[in-house]
C-alpha atoms as a PDB file:
ATOM      1  CA  MET A   1       0.000   0.000   0.000  1.00  0.00           C
ATOM      2  CA  ASN A   2       1.137   3.539  -0.808  1.00  0.00           C
ATOM      3  CA  THR A   3       0.018   6.748   0.863  1.00  0.00           C
ATOM      4  CA  LEU A   4      -0.462  10.009  -1.012  1.00  0.00           C
ATOM      5  CA  VAL A   5      -1.334  13.422   0.376  1.00  0.00           C
ATOM      6  CA  SER A   6      -4.101  15.514  -1.149  1.00  0.00           C
ATOM      7  CA  THR A   7      -4.138  19.303  -1.388  1.00  0.00           C
ATOM      8  CA  ASP A   8      -5.826  19.786   1.997  1.00  0.00           C
ATOM      9  CA  GLY A   9      -3.456  17.358   3.727  1.00  0.00           C
ATOM     10  CA  THR A  10      -5.738  14.320   3.635  1.00  0.00           C
ATOM     11  CA  ALA A  11      -3.831  11.033   3.465  1.00  0.00           C
ATOM     12  CA  LEU A  12      -5.036   8.768   0.664  1.00  0.00           C
ATOM     13  CA  ALA A  13      -4.335   5.029   0.688  1.00  0.00           C
ATOM     14  CA  CYS A  14      -3.681   3.546  -2.731  1.00  0.00           C
ATOM     15  CA  SER A  15      -2.399   0.410  -4.438  1.00  0.00           C
ATOM     16  CA  VAL A  16      -0.540   0.021  -7.731  1.00  0.00           C
ATOM     17  CA  THR A  17      -0.411  -3.071  -9.901  1.00  0.00           C
ATOM     18  CA  GLY A  18       0.609  -4.015 -13.435  1.00  0.00           C
ATOM     19  CA  SER A  19       2.656  -2.129 -15.998  1.00  0.00           C
ATOM     20  CA  GLY A  20       1.913   0.125 -18.936  1.00  0.00           C
ATOM     21  CA  PRO A  21      -0.003   3.384 -19.377  1.00  0.00           C
ATOM     22  CA  ALA A  22      -1.661   4.548 -16.151  1.00  0.00           C
ATOM     23  CA  VAL A  23      -5.310   3.861 -15.362  1.00  0.00           C
ATOM     24  CA  VAL A  24      -7.010   5.083 -12.179  1.00  0.00           C
ATOM     25  CA  LEU A  25     -10.142   3.356 -10.850  1.00  0.00           C
ATOM     26  CA  VAL A  26     -12.789   5.338  -8.949  1.00  0.00           C
ATOM     27  CA  ASP A  27     -15.262   3.469  -6.738  1.00  0.00           C
ATOM     28  CA  GLY A  28     -18.912   4.218  -6.128  1.00  0.00           C
ATOM     29  CA  ALA A  29     -20.883   4.306  -2.894  1.00  0.00           C
ATOM     30  CA  LEU A  30     -19.963   1.964  -0.014  1.00  0.00           C
ATOM     31  CA  CYS A  31     -16.894   0.676  -1.861  1.00  0.00           C
ATOM     32  CA  HIS A  32     -13.148   0.978  -1.460  1.00  0.00           C
ATOM     33  CA  ARG A  33     -10.074  -1.086  -2.331  1.00  0.00           C
ATOM     34  CA  GLY A  34     -11.009  -3.820   0.122  1.00  0.00           C
ATOM     35  CA  MET A  35     -14.716  -3.893  -0.638  1.00  0.00           C
ATOM     36  CA  GLY A  36     -16.039  -3.489  -4.144  1.00  0.00           C
ATOM     37  CA  PRO A  37     -15.199  -4.177  -7.786  1.00  0.00           C
ATOM     38  CA  SER A  38     -11.878  -2.343  -8.106  1.00  0.00           C
ATOM     39  CA  ALA A  39      -9.585  -5.239  -7.181  1.00  0.00           C
ATOM     40  CA  ALA A  40     -11.110  -7.564  -9.777  1.00  0.00           C
ATOM     41  CA  ILE A  41     -11.065  -4.873 -12.466  1.00  0.00           C
ATOM     42  CA  ALA A  42      -7.445  -4.000 -11.657  1.00  0.00           C
ATOM     43  CA  GLU A  43      -6.473  -7.643 -12.040  1.00  0.00           C
ATOM     44  CA  GLN A  44      -8.044  -7.760 -15.483  1.00  0.00           C
ATOM     45  CA  LEU A  45      -6.308  -4.582 -16.666  1.00  0.00           C
ATOM     46  CA  ALA A  46      -2.896  -5.109 -15.079  1.00  0.00           C
ATOM     47  CA  GLY A  47      -1.493  -7.043 -18.025  1.00  0.00           C
ATOM     48  CA  HIS A  48      -1.693  -3.900 -20.164  1.00  0.00           C
ATOM     49  CA  HIS A  49      -1.765  -0.977 -17.725  1.00  0.00           C
ATOM     50  CA  THR A  50      -0.343   0.299 -14.485  1.00  0.00           C
ATOM     51  CA  VAL A  51      -3.547   0.363 -12.462  1.00  0.00           C
ATOM     52  CA  TRP A  52      -4.006   2.710  -9.522  1.00  0.00           C
ATOM     53  CA  THR A  53      -6.776   2.011  -7.019  1.00  0.00           C
ATOM     54  CA  TYR A  54      -7.343   4.297  -4.052  1.00  0.00           C
ATOM     55  CA  ASP A  55      -9.629   4.668  -1.089  1.00  0.00           C
ATOM     56  CA  ARG A  56     -11.737   7.773  -1.536  1.00  0.00           C
ATOM     57  CA  ARG A  57     -11.613  10.038   1.515  1.00  0.00           C
ATOM     58  CA  GLY A  58     -13.381   8.667   4.564  1.00  0.00           C
ATOM     59  CA  ARG A  59     -13.029   5.072   3.369  1.00  0.00           C
ATOM     60  CA  GLY A  60     -10.647   2.214   4.049  1.00  0.00           C
ATOM     61  CA  GLY A  61      -7.164   3.472   4.822  1.00  0.00           C
ATOM     62  CA  SER A  62      -7.718   7.094   3.766  1.00  0.00           C
ATOM     63  CA  GLY A  63      -8.245  10.069   6.037  1.00  0.00           C
ATOM     64  CA  ASP A  64     -11.107  12.560   5.946  1.00  0.00           C
ATOM     65  CA  THR A  65     -10.233  16.197   6.525  1.00  0.00           C
ATOM     66  CA  GLY A  66     -13.239  18.487   6.901  1.00  0.00           C
ATOM     67  CA  PRO A  67     -15.154  20.403   5.866  1.00  0.00           C
ATOM     68  CA  PHE A  68     -16.231  18.322   2.879  1.00  0.00           C
ATOM     69  CA  ALA A  69     -16.781  19.672  -0.612  1.00  0.00           C
ATOM     70  CA  VAL A  70     -16.891  17.879  -3.945  1.00  0.00           C
ATOM     71  CA  GLU A  71     -13.878  19.953  -4.934  1.00  0.00           C
ATOM     72  CA  ARG A  72     -11.849  18.145  -2.253  1.00  0.00           C
ATOM     73  CA  GLU A  73     -12.601  14.791  -3.874  1.00  0.00           C
ATOM     74  CA  ILE A  74     -11.606  16.194  -7.255  1.00  0.00           C
ATOM     75  CA  GLU A  75      -8.316  17.280  -5.667  1.00  0.00           C
ATOM     76  CA  ASP A  76      -7.915  13.745  -4.271  1.00  0.00           C
ATOM     77  CA  LEU A  77      -8.273  12.218  -7.719  1.00  0.00           C
ATOM     78  CA  ALA A  78      -5.865  14.835  -9.073  1.00  0.00           C
ATOM     79  CA  ALA A  79      -3.314  13.776  -6.436  1.00  0.00           C
ATOM     80  CA  VAL A  80      -3.565  10.148  -7.564  1.00  0.00           C
ATOM     81  CA  ILE A  81      -3.163  11.150 -11.207  1.00  0.00           C
ATOM     82  CA  ALA A  82      -0.162  13.303 -10.309  1.00  0.00           C
ATOM     83  CA  ALA A  83       1.450  10.333  -8.567  1.00  0.00           C
ATOM     84  CA  ALA A  84       0.731   8.219 -11.644  1.00  0.00           C
ATOM     85  CA  GLY A  85       2.820  10.575 -13.760  1.00  0.00           C
ATOM     86  CA  GLY A  86       0.559  13.580 -14.277  1.00  0.00           C
ATOM     87  CA  SER A  87      -1.911  12.024 -16.684  1.00  0.00           C
ATOM     88  CA  ALA A  88      -4.012   8.868 -16.689  1.00  0.00           C
ATOM     89  CA  ALA A  89      -7.063   7.195 -18.118  1.00  0.00           C
ATOM     90  CA  VAL A  90      -9.886   6.794 -15.592  1.00  0.00           C
ATOM     91  CA  PHE A  91     -12.630   4.239 -15.105  1.00  0.00           C
ATOM     92  CA  ALA A  92     -15.362   5.067 -12.606  1.00  0.00           C
ATOM     93  CA  HIS A  93     -18.322   2.998 -11.426  1.00  0.00           C
ATOM     94  CA  SER A  94     -21.759   4.226 -10.338  1.00  0.00           C
ATOM     95  CA  SER A  95     -21.659   7.434  -8.270  1.00  0.00           C
ATOM     96  CA  GLY A  96     -17.891   7.422  -8.725  1.00  0.00           C
ATOM     97  CA  GLY A  97     -18.721   8.172 -12.342  1.00  0.00           C
ATOM     98  CA  ALA A  98     -20.445  11.394 -11.314  1.00  0.00           C
ATOM     99  CA  LEU A  99     -17.295  12.433  -9.461  1.00  0.00           C
ATOM    100  CA  ALA A 100     -15.025  11.465 -12.365  1.00  0.00           C
ATOM    101  CA  LEU A 101     -17.127  13.410 -14.859  1.00  0.00           C
ATOM    102  CA  ARG A 102     -16.849  16.528 -12.704  1.00  0.00           C
ATOM    103  CA  ALA A 103     -13.100  15.912 -12.432  1.00  0.00           C
ATOM    104  CA  ALA A 104     -12.759  15.573 -16.206  1.00  0.00           C
ATOM    105  CA  ALA A 105     -14.499  18.928 -16.625  1.00  0.00           C
ATOM    106  CA  ALA A 106     -11.965  20.401 -14.163  1.00  0.00           C
ATOM    107  CA  ASP A 107      -9.074  19.308 -16.431  1.00  0.00           C
ATOM    108  CA  ILE A 108      -6.917  17.488 -13.854  1.00  0.00           C
ATOM    109  CA  GLY A 109      -4.968  15.280 -16.264  1.00  0.00           C
ATOM    110  CA  ILE A 110      -7.569  12.692 -17.272  1.00  0.00           C
ATOM    111  CA  THR A 111      -6.719  11.530 -20.801  1.00  0.00           C
ATOM    112  CA  ARG A 112      -9.656   9.172 -21.394  1.00  0.00           C
ATOM    113  CA  LEU A 113     -12.711   8.565 -19.226  1.00  0.00           C
ATOM    114  CA  ALA A 114     -15.034   5.560 -19.027  1.00  0.00           C
ATOM    115  CA  VAL A 115     -18.025   5.577 -16.671  1.00  0.00           C
ATOM    116  CA  TYR A 116     -20.441   2.774 -15.853  1.00  0.00           C
ATOM    117  CA  GLU A 117     -24.030   3.683 -14.962  1.00  0.00           C
ATOM    118  CA  PRO A 118     -23.571   6.978 -13.085  1.00  0.00           C
ATOM    119  CA  PRO A 119     -26.955   7.126 -11.298  1.00  0.00           C
ATOM    120  CA  PHE A 120     -28.119  10.580 -12.295  1.00  0.00           C
ATOM    121  CA  SER A 121     -31.822  11.373 -12.491  1.00  0.00           C
ATOM    122  CA  THR A 122     -33.304  11.713 -15.964  1.00  0.00           C
ATOM    123  CA  GLU A 123     -36.899  12.542 -15.030  1.00  0.00           C
ATOM    124  CA  GLU A 124     -38.630  14.548 -12.316  1.00  0.00           C
ATOM    125  CA  GLY A 125     -39.949  11.468 -10.529  1.00  0.00           C
ATOM    126  CA  GLN A 126     -36.403  10.206 -10.057  1.00  0.00           C
ATOM    127  CA  SER A 127     -35.220  13.602  -8.869  1.00  0.00           C
ATOM    128  CA  GLU A 128     -37.969  13.757  -6.265  1.00  0.00           C
ATOM    129  CA  ARG A 129     -37.089  10.280  -5.009  1.00  0.00           C
ATOM    130  CA  PHE A 130     -33.442  11.350  -4.776  1.00  0.00           C
ATOM    131  CA  ARG A 131     -34.354  14.458  -2.779  1.00  0.00           C
ATOM    132  CA  ARG A 132     -36.330  12.329  -0.319  1.00  0.00           C
ATOM    133  CA  TYR A 133     -33.380   9.945  -0.021  1.00  0.00           C
ATOM    134  CA  VAL A 134     -30.972  12.824   0.669  1.00  0.00           C
ATOM    135  CA  ALA A 135     -33.288  14.204   3.358  1.00  0.00           C
ATOM    136  CA  GLU A 136     -33.513  10.777   5.025  1.00  0.00           C
ATOM    137  CA  LEU A 137     -29.749  10.265   4.704  1.00  0.00           C
ATOM    138  CA  THR A 138     -28.955  13.695   6.154  1.00  0.00           C
ATOM    139  CA  ALA A 139     -31.193  13.111   9.172  1.00  0.00           C
ATOM    140  CA  ALA A 140     -29.777   9.647   9.824  1.00  0.00           C
ATOM    141  CA  LEU A 141     -26.165  10.846   9.680  1.00  0.00           C
ATOM    142  CA  ALA A 142     -26.880  13.876  11.858  1.00  0.00           C
ATOM    143  CA  GLU A 143     -28.289  11.529  14.513  1.00  0.00           C
ATOM    144  CA  GLU A 144     -25.428   8.997  14.130  1.00  0.00           C
ATOM    145  CA  ARG A 145     -27.858   6.350  12.844  1.00  0.00           C
ATOM    146  CA  ARG A 146     -25.344   4.927  10.409  1.00  0.00           C
ATOM    147  CA  GLY A 147     -27.232   1.703   9.825  1.00  0.00           C
ATOM    148  CA  ASP A 148     -30.323   3.665   8.849  1.00  0.00           C
ATOM    149  CA  ALA A 149     -28.208   5.732   6.442  1.00  0.00           C
ATOM    150  CA  VAL A 150     -26.977   2.565   4.725  1.00  0.00           C
ATOM    151  CA  ALA A 151     -30.504   1.180   4.636  1.00  0.00           C
ATOM    152  CA  ALA A 152     -31.773   4.409   3.068  1.00  0.00           C
ATOM    153  CA  LEU A 153     -29.328   4.041   0.188  1.00  0.00           C
ATOM    154  CA  MET A 154     -30.227   0.410  -0.398  1.00  0.00           C
ATOM    155  CA  VAL A 155     -33.956   1.086  -0.427  1.00  0.00           C
ATOM    156  CA  TYR A 156     -33.423   4.065  -2.742  1.00  0.00           C
ATOM    157  CA  ALA A 157     -31.434   1.780  -5.052  1.00  0.00           C
ATOM    158  CA  GLY A 158     -34.378  -0.593  -5.249  1.00  0.00           C
ATOM    159  CA  ALA A 159     -33.762  -3.243  -2.592  1.00  0.00           C
ATOM    160  CA  PRO A 160     -36.920  -4.383  -0.739  1.00  0.00           C
ATOM    161  CA  ALA A 161     -37.032  -3.046   2.817  1.00  0.00           C
ATOM    162  CA  GLU A 162     -37.482  -6.568   4.171  1.00  0.00           C
ATOM    163  CA  MET A 163     -34.292  -7.715   2.478  1.00  0.00           C
ATOM    164  CA  VAL A 164     -32.395  -4.720   3.816  1.00  0.00           C
ATOM    165  CA  ASP A 165     -33.617  -5.431   7.338  1.00  0.00           C
ATOM    166  CA  GLY A 166     -32.333  -8.980   6.985  1.00  0.00           C
ATOM    167  CA  MET A 167     -28.911  -7.704   5.924  1.00  0.00           C
ATOM    168  CA  ARG A 168     -28.388  -5.754   9.129  1.00  0.00           C
ATOM    169  CA  GLY A 169     -27.114  -8.902  10.811  1.00  0.00           C
ATOM    170  CA  ALA A 170     -24.701  -9.799   8.014  1.00  0.00           C
ATOM    171  CA  PRO A 171     -20.936  -9.668   8.672  1.00  0.00           C
ATOM    172  CA  VAL A 172     -20.504  -6.970   6.025  1.00  0.00           C
ATOM    173  CA  TRP A 173     -22.977  -4.573   7.659  1.00  0.00           C
ATOM    174  CA  PRO A 174     -20.490  -3.047  10.162  1.00  0.00           C
ATOM    175  CA  LEU A 175     -18.157  -2.380   7.229  1.00  0.00           C
ATOM    176  CA  PHE A 176     -20.932  -0.472   5.501  1.00  0.00           C
ATOM    177  CA  GLU A 177     -21.699   1.469   8.680  1.00  0.00           C
ATOM    178  CA  ALA A 178     -18.027   2.421   9.059  1.00  0.00           C
ATOM    179  CA  ILE A 179     -18.106   4.412   5.815  1.00  0.00           C
ATOM    180  CA  ALA A 180     -21.763   5.490   5.919  1.00  0.00           C
ATOM    181  CA  PRO A 181     -20.854   9.204   6.267  1.00  0.00           C
ATOM    182  CA  THR A 182     -19.336   9.077   2.790  1.00  0.00           C
ATOM    183  CA  LEU A 183     -22.796   8.442   1.331  1.00  0.00           C
ATOM    184  CA  ALA A 184     -23.275  12.194   1.670  1.00  0.00           C
ATOM    185  CA  TYR A 185     -20.173  12.673  -0.489  1.00  0.00           C
ATOM    186  CA  ASP A 186     -21.626  10.531  -3.264  1.00  0.00           C
ATOM    187  CA  ALA A 187     -24.914  12.407  -3.041  1.00  0.00           C
ATOM    188  CA  ALA A 188     -23.048  15.700  -3.402  1.00  0.00           C
ATOM    189  CA  ALA A 189     -21.152  14.421  -6.445  1.00  0.00           C
ATOM    190  CA  LEU A 190     -24.449  13.480  -8.064  1.00  0.00           C
ATOM    191  CA  GLY A 191     -25.914  16.882  -7.248  1.00  0.00           C
ATOM    192  CA  ASP A 192     -27.855  16.744  -4.007  1.00  0.00           C
ATOM    193  CA  ARG A 193     -29.222  20.239  -4.568  1.00  0.00           C
ATOM    194  CA  THR A 194     -30.342  19.555  -8.122  1.00  0.00           C
ATOM    195  CA  GLY A 195     -32.055  16.221  -7.532  1.00  0.00           C
ATOM    196  CA  ALA A 196     -29.119  14.478  -9.264  1.00  0.00           C
ATOM    197  CA  ALA A 197     -30.154  15.801 -12.657  1.00  0.00           C
ATOM    198  CA  VAL A 198     -27.634  15.174 -15.436  1.00  0.00           C
ATOM    199  CA  PRO A 199     -25.342  18.270 -15.394  1.00  0.00           C
ATOM    200  CA  ALA A 200     -25.480  18.649 -19.158  1.00  0.00           C
ATOM    201  CA  ASP A 201     -23.931  22.125 -19.278  1.00  0.00           C
ATOM    202  CA  LEU A 202     -20.922  20.945 -17.266  1.00  0.00           C
ATOM    203  CA  LEU A 203     -20.556  17.736 -19.259  1.00  0.00           C
ATOM    204  CA  ALA A 204     -20.553  19.768 -22.473  1.00  0.00           C
ATOM    205  CA  THR A 205     -17.212  21.263 -21.383  1.00  0.00           C
ATOM    206  CA  ILE A 206     -15.435  17.888 -21.161  1.00  0.00           C
ATOM    207  CA  ALA A 207     -12.752  17.717 -23.833  1.00  0.00           C
ATOM    208  CA  VAL A 208     -11.368  14.190 -23.354  1.00  0.00           C
ATOM    209  CA  PRO A 209     -12.568  11.013 -25.106  1.00  0.00           C
ATOM    210  CA  THR A 210     -15.389   9.588 -23.004  1.00  0.00           C
ATOM    211  CA  LEU A 211     -17.208   6.253 -22.969  1.00  0.00           C
ATOM    212  CA  ALA A 212     -20.518   5.781 -21.164  1.00  0.00           C
ATOM    213  CA  LEU A 213     -21.408   2.164 -20.404  1.00  0.00           C
ATOM    214  CA  ASP A 214     -24.476   0.418 -19.076  1.00  0.00           C
ATOM    215  CA  GLY A 215     -25.707  -3.121 -18.581  1.00  0.00           C
ATOM    216  CA  GLY A 216     -28.344  -4.693 -20.766  1.00  0.00           C
ATOM    217  CA  ALA A 217     -29.969  -6.296 -17.713  1.00  0.00           C
ATOM    218  CA  SER A 218     -29.992  -3.082 -15.669  1.00  0.00           C
ATOM    219  CA  PRO A 219     -33.239  -1.153 -15.130  1.00  0.00           C
ATOM    220  CA  GLU A 220     -34.005   1.771 -17.400  1.00  0.00           C
ATOM    221  CA  SER A 221     -33.456   4.135 -14.461  1.00  0.00           C
ATOM    222  CA  LEU A 222     -29.745   3.260 -14.646  1.00  0.00           C
ATOM    223  CA  ARG A 223     -29.435   2.879 -18.397  1.00  0.00           C
ATOM    224  CA  ALA A 224     -31.040   6.206 -19.264  1.00  0.00           C
ATOM    225  CA  PRO A 225     -28.407   8.258 -17.388  1.00  0.00           C
ATOM    226  CA  ALA A 226     -25.572   6.531 -19.243  1.00  0.00           C
ATOM    227  CA  HIS A 227     -27.234   7.400 -22.530  1.00  0.00           C
ATOM    228  CA  ALA A 228     -27.789  10.991 -21.351  1.00  0.00           C
ATOM    229  CA  VAL A 229     -24.128  11.343 -20.360  1.00  0.00           C
ATOM    230  CA  ALA A 230     -23.023  10.117 -23.781  1.00  0.00           C
ATOM    231  CA  ALA A 231     -25.355  12.635 -25.410  1.00  0.00           C
ATOM    232  CA  ALA A 232     -24.062  15.520 -23.274  1.00  0.00           C
ATOM    233  CA  VAL A 233     -20.283  14.972 -23.561  1.00  0.00           C
ATOM    234  CA  PRO A 234     -19.008  16.081 -26.979  1.00  0.00           C
ATOM    235  CA  GLY A 235     -18.026  13.106 -29.118  1.00  0.00           C
ATOM    236  CA  ALA A 236     -18.693  10.557 -26.356  1.00  0.00           C
ATOM    237  CA  ALA A 237     -19.344   6.902 -27.169  1.00  0.00           C
ATOM    238  CA  TYR A 238     -22.047   4.718 -25.648  1.00  0.00           C
ATOM    239  CA  ARG A 239     -21.961   0.943 -25.169  1.00  0.00           C
ATOM    240  CA  THR A 240     -24.275  -1.610 -23.595  1.00  0.00           C
ATOM    241  CA  LEU A 241     -22.810  -4.758 -22.038  1.00  0.00           C
ATOM    242  CA  ASP A 242     -25.301  -7.520 -22.754  1.00  0.00           C
ATOM    243  CA  GLY A 243     -26.623  -9.402 -19.761  1.00  0.00           C
ATOM    244  CA  GLN A 244     -24.884  -7.180 -17.207  1.00  0.00           C
ATOM    245  CA  THR A 245     -26.456  -5.459 -14.217  1.00  0.00           C
ATOM    246  CA  HIS A 246     -25.181  -2.609 -12.045  1.00  0.00           C
ATOM    247  CA  GLU A 247     -22.831  -5.184 -10.471  1.00  0.00           C
ATOM    248  CA  VAL A 248     -20.918  -5.554 -13.726  1.00  0.00           C
ATOM    249  CA  THR A 249     -18.424  -8.420 -13.840  1.00  0.00           C
ATOM    250  CA  ALA A 250     -14.787  -7.534 -14.391  1.00  0.00           C
ATOM    251  CA  GLU A 251     -14.350 -10.218 -17.047  1.00  0.00           C
ATOM    252  CA  VAL A 252     -17.048  -8.643 -19.240  1.00  0.00           C
ATOM    253  CA  LEU A 253     -16.099  -5.050 -18.535  1.00  0.00           C
ATOM    254  CA  ALA A 254     -12.349  -5.355 -19.048  1.00  0.00           C
ATOM    255  CA  PRO A 255     -12.320  -6.004 -22.829  1.00  0.00           C
ATOM    256  CA  GLU A 256     -14.350  -2.830 -23.402  1.00  0.00           C
ATOM    257  CA  LEU A 257     -11.978  -0.812 -21.231  1.00  0.00           C
ATOM    258  CA  LEU A 258      -8.856  -2.264 -22.819  1.00  0.00           C
ATOM    259  CA  THR A 259     -10.151  -1.392 -26.282  1.00  0.00           C
ATOM    260  CA  PHE A 260     -11.133   2.115 -25.245  1.00  0.00           C
ATOM    261  CA  PHE A 261      -7.925   2.823 -23.324  1.00  0.00           C
ATOM    262  CA  ALA A 262      -5.624   1.387 -26.011  1.00  0.00           C
END
């Protein structure tokens, strides 16, 4: 494990594997290097790329200097890219994609960007559901009800409440609770004050080659944002991975990324 230091002094834990042009992986909600898809994706890419994975602030081995702002997370990603040589391709999953898109618009050294199902809202009904989720999340975190904050995300994402209640006794639940405060960071990256609407004006300023991906077995509420991102970023490409859900498998994803990053 390596440790980098972001602009505000926050320590960021990261791992490096493979050899070749640099690729940085950005996780979504409730994920970090030890919990989520990054390790499997890194393994698939390492034969062709030097792959950098890092714990976003407040997760895993990374620190969390306050006060939070989305700009701090953009600076964190910039610090990883700087350590990788000053420029890198980026792959980001789910709400990590919202962060990476904002970072690409900030011109921090991203050379190519691929995002998988960034969960923006594409219709008013979705935006209203997101606002209700953010209100519930904010209240739960303010009252230190971390388990309720995690449950709020899962129900918002479509999991039945009964199933979520059953998960509270699972071994992984304390790991989720440990990083529950970072759910507010993902909400901010999506646009908690805009109902997570696709930031089309911002995306129109992105000047790097961009690929928006979705899964053919994912619900339309996740596929529509990927299509909207591709439409908003100048010259962006759009691909659907047949049979895949939001939990995309590394073996199916990797060939698309290797082709795009080549």
